Amino acid sequence: LLLSELTEEILRDLYLNKKFTDAKIASIYGTYQVYISRLRKKYGLSNIAKTDRIDHSHLTVRQKEILIGSLLGDATIEPLYTNVARYHEVKKLDCLDYIQWKASEFSPFSNNVFYLKDLIVLKTTSTREFREYYERWIKTNDFPQDQPLTPLMLAVWFLDKGYNHKKGIRLSFSFNSHKRCLRSLRALGLHP
């Protein structure tokens, strides 16, 4: 395409609606990225952050339940930049099937499962929604007061942190969360 055909209307559509980067628009029109950036500024089109450019769907109810069970277990949320975060979990290689199950459950967010020596690591893409969980769970290092447990959350939590003991099933959680966790377990009909 000819650069002379790139009107303000077309640039708006490519940048704001189709979420093309300056570099991609420049390659289409055979020009430099800097030129497209200056043209955007001329037309009053402000920068779109990389995280806003990616069209993420929201976490489903099932994904949220798996996420919460995982946060009660071994997973964490890593803050990236000021407004986004990503899910991060590391397991031993004998948990490969479990991590692959989580990766498939977190689709389309889970794009990064890799090996690190004798470990397997699952990381998701960075989103604002994961940042909300970081602020609510990780930053406070506590079990949110208004968070009920579901059977799926409990199952994931047990698979991450639980174990069978001669006196029954054991789960671990932080001291600060003790009473709220017990209340949630009782609400599920369990008697810890």
C-alpha atoms as a PDB file:
ATOM      1  CA  LEU A   1       0.000   0.000   0.000  1.00  0.00           C
ATOM      2  CA  LEU A   2       1.082   3.559  -0.630  1.00  0.00           C
ATOM      3  CA  LEU A   3       1.913   5.807   2.295  1.00  0.00           C
ATOM      4  CA  SER A   4      -0.160   8.570   0.670  1.00  0.00           C
ATOM      5  CA  GLU A   5      -3.242   6.322   1.164  1.00  0.00           C
ATOM      6  CA  LEU A   6      -2.778   6.261   4.960  1.00  0.00           C
ATOM      7  CA  THR A   7      -5.440   8.705   6.119  1.00  0.00           C
ATOM      8  CA  GLU A   8      -6.252   9.668   9.701  1.00  0.00           C
ATOM      9  CA  GLU A   9      -9.362   7.458   9.532  1.00  0.00           C
ATOM     10  CA  ILE A  10      -7.391   4.407   8.348  1.00  0.00           C
ATOM     11  CA  LEU A  11      -4.673   4.985  10.949  1.00  0.00           C
ATOM     12  CA  ARG A  12      -7.324   5.250  13.690  1.00  0.00           C
ATOM     13  CA  ASP A  13      -8.872   1.984  12.561  1.00  0.00           C
ATOM     14  CA  LEU A  14      -5.563   0.116  12.337  1.00  0.00           C
ATOM     15  CA  TYR A  15      -4.218   1.419  15.647  1.00  0.00           C
ATOM     16  CA  LEU A  16      -7.298   1.694  17.865  1.00  0.00           C
ATOM     17  CA  ASN A  17      -9.642  -0.967  16.508  1.00  0.00           C
ATOM     18  CA  LYS A  18      -7.337  -3.591  15.032  1.00  0.00           C
ATOM     19  CA  LYS A  19      -4.658  -2.903  17.676  1.00  0.00           C
ATOM     20  CA  PHE A  20      -1.799  -2.905  15.167  1.00  0.00           C
ATOM     21  CA  THR A  21       1.540  -1.626  16.458  1.00  0.00           C
ATOM     22  CA  ASP A  22       3.365   1.298  14.885  1.00  0.00           C
ATOM     23  CA  ALA A  23       5.911  -1.193  13.535  1.00  0.00           C
ATOM     24  CA  LYS A  24       3.247  -3.331  11.866  1.00  0.00           C
ATOM     25  CA  ILE A  25       1.530  -0.308  10.293  1.00  0.00           C
ATOM     26  CA  ALA A  26       4.916   0.961   9.116  1.00  0.00           C
ATOM     27  CA  SER A  27       5.721  -2.370   7.470  1.00  0.00           C
ATOM     28  CA  ILE A  28       2.353  -2.396   5.678  1.00  0.00           C
ATOM     29  CA  TYR A  29       2.935   1.092   4.267  1.00  0.00           C
ATOM     30  CA  GLY A  30       6.677   0.731   3.638  1.00  0.00           C
ATOM     31  CA  THR A  31       7.839   3.389   6.076  1.00  0.00           C
ATOM     32  CA  TYR A  32       9.531   3.724   9.444  1.00  0.00           C
ATOM     33  CA  GLN A  33       7.976   3.091  12.848  1.00  0.00           C
ATOM     34  CA  VAL A  34       8.995   6.567  14.004  1.00  0.00           C
ATOM     35  CA  TYR A  35       7.037   8.134  11.142  1.00  0.00           C
ATOM     36  CA  ILE A  36       3.858   6.267  12.180  1.00  0.00           C
ATOM     37  CA  SER A  37       4.405   7.271  15.801  1.00  0.00           C
ATOM     38  CA  ARG A  38       4.706  10.944  14.816  1.00  0.00           C
ATOM     39  CA  LEU A  39       1.649  10.663  12.585  1.00  0.00           C
ATOM     40  CA  ARG A  40      -0.352   9.216  15.495  1.00  0.00           C
ATOM     41  CA  LYS A  41       0.715  12.091  17.718  1.00  0.00           C
ATOM     42  CA  LYS A  42      -0.262  14.554  15.014  1.00  0.00           C
ATOM     43  CA  TYR A  43      -3.775  12.994  14.946  1.00  0.00           C
ATOM     44  CA  GLY A  44      -4.005  12.876  18.743  1.00  0.00           C
ATOM     45  CA  LEU A  45      -3.824   9.091  19.059  1.00  0.00           C
ATOM     46  CA  SER A  46      -2.170   8.284  22.383  1.00  0.00           C
ATOM     47  CA  ASN A  47      -0.031   5.209  22.994  1.00  0.00           C
ATOM     48  CA  ILE A  48      -1.716   1.895  23.724  1.00  0.00           C
ATOM     49  CA  ALA A  49       0.116  -0.212  26.308  1.00  0.00           C
ATOM     50  CA  LYS A  50       1.140  -3.709  25.233  1.00  0.00           C
ATOM     51  CA  THR A  51      -1.199  -5.257  27.816  1.00  0.00           C
ATOM     52  CA  ASP A  52      -4.130  -3.236  26.482  1.00  0.00           C
ATOM     53  CA  ARG A  53      -3.307  -4.219  22.913  1.00  0.00           C
ATOM     54  CA  ILE A  54      -3.771  -7.917  23.683  1.00  0.00           C
ATOM     55  CA  ASP A  55      -7.438  -8.803  23.622  1.00  0.00           C
ATOM     56  CA  HIS A  56      -7.741 -11.094  26.632  1.00  0.00           C
ATOM     57  CA  SER A  57     -10.973 -12.687  27.536  1.00  0.00           C
ATOM     58  CA  HIS A  58     -11.784 -12.605  31.233  1.00  0.00           C
ATOM     59  CA  LEU A  59     -11.135 -15.508  33.553  1.00  0.00           C
ATOM     60  CA  THR A  60     -14.049 -17.918  33.659  1.00  0.00           C
ATOM     61  CA  VAL A  61     -15.642 -18.951  36.954  1.00  0.00           C
ATOM     62  CA  ARG A  62     -13.807 -22.297  36.698  1.00  0.00           C
ATOM     63  CA  GLN A  63     -10.470 -20.569  36.040  1.00  0.00           C
ATOM     64  CA  LYS A  64     -11.030 -18.297  39.047  1.00  0.00           C
ATOM     65  CA  GLU A  65     -11.731 -21.307  41.255  1.00  0.00           C
ATOM     66  CA  ILE A  66      -8.572 -23.073  40.050  1.00  0.00           C
ATOM     67  CA  LEU A  67      -6.621 -19.857  40.558  1.00  0.00           C
ATOM     68  CA  ILE A  68      -7.841 -19.418  44.142  1.00  0.00           C
ATOM     69  CA  GLY A  69      -7.163 -23.086  44.963  1.00  0.00           C
ATOM     70  CA  SER A  70      -3.691 -22.643  43.496  1.00  0.00           C
ATOM     71  CA  LEU A  71      -3.043 -19.466  45.487  1.00  0.00           C
ATOM     72  CA  LEU A  72      -3.976 -21.338  48.650  1.00  0.00           C
ATOM     73  CA  GLY A  73      -1.464 -23.943  47.472  1.00  0.00           C
ATOM     74  CA  ASP A  74       1.867 -23.415  45.745  1.00  0.00           C
ATOM     75  CA  ALA A  75       1.168 -20.774  43.112  1.00  0.00           C
ATOM     76  CA  THR A  76       1.834 -17.072  43.240  1.00  0.00           C
ATOM     77  CA  ILE A  77       1.058 -13.984  41.221  1.00  0.00           C
ATOM     78  CA  GLU A  78       3.993 -11.921  39.976  1.00  0.00           C
ATOM     79  CA  PRO A  79       3.424  -8.182  39.585  1.00  0.00           C
ATOM     80  CA  LEU A  80       4.736  -6.767  36.332  1.00  0.00           C
ATOM     81  CA  TYR A  81       4.757  -3.049  35.713  1.00  0.00           C
ATOM     82  CA  THR A  82       2.196  -1.062  37.684  1.00  0.00           C
ATOM     83  CA  ASN A  83      -1.086  -2.459  36.437  1.00  0.00           C
ATOM     84  CA  VAL A  84      -0.593  -6.081  35.353  1.00  0.00           C
ATOM     85  CA  ALA A  85       0.568  -9.374  36.818  1.00  0.00           C
ATOM     86  CA  ARG A  86       0.885 -13.021  35.819  1.00  0.00           C
ATOM     87  CA  TYR A  87       0.283 -16.419  37.403  1.00  0.00           C
ATOM     88  CA  HIS A  88       3.439 -18.360  38.252  1.00  0.00           C
ATOM     89  CA  GLU A  89       3.823 -21.886  39.589  1.00  0.00           C
ATOM     90  CA  VAL A  90       6.799 -24.202  39.909  1.00  0.00           C
ATOM     91  CA  LYS A  91       6.526 -27.968  40.544  1.00  0.00           C
ATOM     92  CA  LYS A  92       8.772 -31.011  40.439  1.00  0.00           C
ATOM     93  CA  LEU A  93       8.819 -33.013  37.211  1.00  0.00           C
ATOM     94  CA  ASP A  94       6.645 -35.740  38.721  1.00  0.00           C
ATOM     95  CA  CYS A  95       3.797 -33.185  38.676  1.00  0.00           C
ATOM     96  CA  LEU A  96       4.039 -32.712  34.896  1.00  0.00           C
ATOM     97  CA  ASP A  97       0.507 -33.999  34.208  1.00  0.00           C
ATOM     98  CA  TYR A  98      -0.912 -31.725  36.895  1.00  0.00           C
ATOM     99  CA  ILE A  99       0.849 -28.629  35.516  1.00  0.00           C
ATOM    100  CA  GLN A 100      -0.226 -29.517  31.978  1.00  0.00           C
ATOM    101  CA  TRP A 101      -3.811 -29.823  33.247  1.00  0.00           C
ATOM    102  CA  LYS A 102      -3.563 -26.369  34.848  1.00  0.00           C
ATOM    103  CA  ALA A 103      -2.041 -24.943  31.670  1.00  0.00           C
ATOM    104  CA  SER A 104      -4.936 -26.298  29.606  1.00  0.00           C
ATOM    105  CA  GLU A 105      -7.452 -24.980  32.153  1.00  0.00           C
ATOM    106  CA  PHE A 106      -5.888 -21.494  32.048  1.00  0.00           C
ATOM    107  CA  SER A 107      -6.067 -21.309  28.258  1.00  0.00           C
ATOM    108  CA  PRO A 108      -5.840 -18.794  26.526  1.00  0.00           C
ATOM    109  CA  PHE A 109      -3.727 -17.206  29.282  1.00  0.00           C
ATOM    110  CA  SER A 110      -1.201 -20.021  29.693  1.00  0.00           C
ATOM    111  CA  ASN A 111       1.343 -19.762  26.960  1.00  0.00           C
ATOM    112  CA  ASN A 112       4.492 -20.556  28.849  1.00  0.00           C
ATOM    113  CA  VAL A 113       5.205 -24.015  30.314  1.00  0.00           C
ATOM    114  CA  PHE A 114       8.902 -24.793  30.445  1.00  0.00           C
ATOM    115  CA  TYR A 115      11.491 -26.919  32.189  1.00  0.00           C
ATOM    116  CA  LEU A 116      14.082 -25.539  34.570  1.00  0.00           C
ATOM    117  CA  LYS A 117      16.553 -28.249  35.630  1.00  0.00           C
ATOM    118  CA  ASP A 118      14.388 -30.804  37.460  1.00  0.00           C
ATOM    119  CA  LEU A 119      11.385 -28.491  37.690  1.00  0.00           C
ATOM    120  CA  ILE A 120       8.452 -27.543  35.483  1.00  0.00           C
ATOM    121  CA  VAL A 121       7.240 -23.931  35.427  1.00  0.00           C
ATOM    122  CA  LEU A 122       3.871 -22.541  34.381  1.00  0.00           C
ATOM    123  CA  LYS A 123       3.524 -18.842  33.661  1.00  0.00           C
ATOM    124  CA  THR A 124       0.579 -17.053  32.116  1.00  0.00           C
ATOM    125  CA  THR A 125       0.399 -13.925  30.065  1.00  0.00           C
ATOM    126  CA  SER A 126       0.214 -10.691  32.037  1.00  0.00           C
ATOM    127  CA  THR A 127      -3.219  -9.167  32.554  1.00  0.00           C
ATOM    128  CA  ARG A 128      -4.981  -6.598  34.695  1.00  0.00           C
ATOM    129  CA  GLU A 129      -7.228  -9.339  36.072  1.00  0.00           C
ATOM    130  CA  PHE A 130      -4.268 -11.254  37.526  1.00  0.00           C
ATOM    131  CA  ARG A 131      -3.127  -7.964  39.061  1.00  0.00           C
ATOM    132  CA  GLU A 132      -6.424  -7.781  40.967  1.00  0.00           C
ATOM    133  CA  TYR A 133      -5.653 -11.199  42.494  1.00  0.00           C
ATOM    134  CA  TYR A 134      -2.146 -10.040  43.328  1.00  0.00           C
ATOM    135  CA  GLU A 135      -3.518  -7.022  45.203  1.00  0.00           C
ATOM    136  CA  ARG A 136      -6.147  -9.065  47.031  1.00  0.00           C
ATOM    137  CA  TRP A 137      -4.233 -12.266  47.847  1.00  0.00           C
ATOM    138  CA  ILE A 138      -0.490 -11.906  47.529  1.00  0.00           C
ATOM    139  CA  LYS A 139       0.112  -8.345  48.638  1.00  0.00           C
ATOM    140  CA  THR A 140      -2.012  -8.860  51.762  1.00  0.00           C
ATOM    141  CA  ASN A 141      -0.668 -12.413  52.341  1.00  0.00           C
ATOM    142  CA  ASP A 142      -4.084 -13.360  53.638  1.00  0.00           C
ATOM    143  CA  PHE A 143      -7.223 -15.328  52.805  1.00  0.00           C
ATOM    144  CA  PRO A 144      -9.834 -12.693  51.807  1.00  0.00           C
ATOM    145  CA  GLN A 145     -12.644 -12.447  54.357  1.00  0.00           C
ATOM    146  CA  ASP A 146     -15.419 -12.590  51.777  1.00  0.00           C
ATOM    147  CA  GLN A 147     -14.016 -15.561  49.834  1.00  0.00           C
ATOM    148  CA  PRO A 148     -16.050 -18.770  50.141  1.00  0.00           C
ATOM    149  CA  LEU A 149     -14.441 -22.064  49.135  1.00  0.00           C
ATOM    150  CA  THR A 150     -15.886 -24.293  46.428  1.00  0.00           C
ATOM    151  CA  PRO A 151     -15.201 -28.021  45.991  1.00  0.00           C
ATOM    152  CA  LEU A 152     -12.913 -27.264  43.007  1.00  0.00           C
ATOM    153  CA  MET A 153     -10.895 -24.705  45.008  1.00  0.00           C
ATOM    154  CA  LEU A 154     -10.536 -27.225  47.810  1.00  0.00           C
ATOM    155  CA  ALA A 155      -9.465 -30.004  45.409  1.00  0.00           C
ATOM    156  CA  VAL A 156      -6.768 -27.827  43.809  1.00  0.00           C
ATOM    157  CA  TRP A 157      -5.618 -26.613  47.219  1.00  0.00           C
ATOM    158  CA  PHE A 158      -5.334 -30.218  48.413  1.00  0.00           C
ATOM    159  CA  LEU A 159      -3.436 -31.297  45.281  1.00  0.00           C
ATOM    160  CA  ASP A 160      -1.005 -28.421  45.850  1.00  0.00           C
ATOM    161  CA  LYS A 161      -0.559 -28.453  49.636  1.00  0.00           C
ATOM    162  CA  GLY A 162      -2.455 -31.371  51.105  1.00  0.00           C
ATOM    163  CA  TYR A 163      -1.359 -34.816  52.113  1.00  0.00           C
ATOM    164  CA  ASN A 164      -2.775 -37.954  53.683  1.00  0.00           C
ATOM    165  CA  HIS A 165      -1.828 -38.495  57.299  1.00  0.00           C
ATOM    166  CA  LYS A 166      -2.619 -41.436  59.552  1.00  0.00           C
ATOM    167  CA  LYS A 167      -5.020 -39.142  61.437  1.00  0.00           C
ATOM    168  CA  GLY A 168      -6.692 -37.885  58.253  1.00  0.00           C
ATOM    169  CA  ILE A 169      -6.185 -35.400  55.449  1.00  0.00           C
ATOM    170  CA  ARG A 170      -3.960 -32.405  56.165  1.00  0.00           C
ATOM    171  CA  LEU A 171      -3.935 -28.990  54.511  1.00  0.00           C
ATOM    172  CA  SER A 172      -1.566 -26.128  55.211  1.00  0.00           C
ATOM    173  CA  PHE A 173      -2.319 -22.420  55.181  1.00  0.00           C
ATOM    174  CA  SER A 174      -1.016 -19.259  56.765  1.00  0.00           C
ATOM    175  CA  PHE A 175      -1.698 -18.518  60.427  1.00  0.00           C
ATOM    176  CA  ASN A 176      -3.499 -15.247  59.557  1.00  0.00           C
ATOM    177  CA  SER A 177      -5.967 -17.145  57.404  1.00  0.00           C
ATOM    178  CA  HIS A 178      -6.629 -19.972  59.874  1.00  0.00           C
ATOM    179  CA  LYS A 179     -10.102 -19.000  61.143  1.00  0.00           C
ATOM    180  CA  ARG A 180     -11.435 -17.908  57.747  1.00  0.00           C
ATOM    181  CA  CYS A 181     -10.183 -21.098  56.084  1.00  0.00           C
ATOM    182  CA  LEU A 182     -11.797 -23.232  58.785  1.00  0.00           C
ATOM    183  CA  ARG A 183     -15.074 -21.338  58.375  1.00  0.00           C
ATOM    184  CA  SER A 184     -14.998 -21.917  54.610  1.00  0.00           C
ATOM    185  CA  LEU A 185     -14.224 -25.614  55.024  1.00  0.00           C
ATOM    186  CA  ARG A 186     -17.140 -25.985  57.467  1.00  0.00           C
ATOM    187  CA  ALA A 187     -19.412 -24.216  54.979  1.00  0.00           C
ATOM    188  CA  LEU A 188     -18.573 -27.049  52.552  1.00  0.00           C
ATOM    189  CA  GLY A 189     -19.780 -29.568  55.126  1.00  0.00           C
ATOM    190  CA  LEU A 190     -16.311 -30.610  56.254  1.00  0.00           C
ATOM    191  CA  HIS A 191     -15.358 -30.882  59.911  1.00  0.00           C
ATOM    192  CA  PRO A 192     -11.703 -29.962  60.308  1.00  0.00           C
END
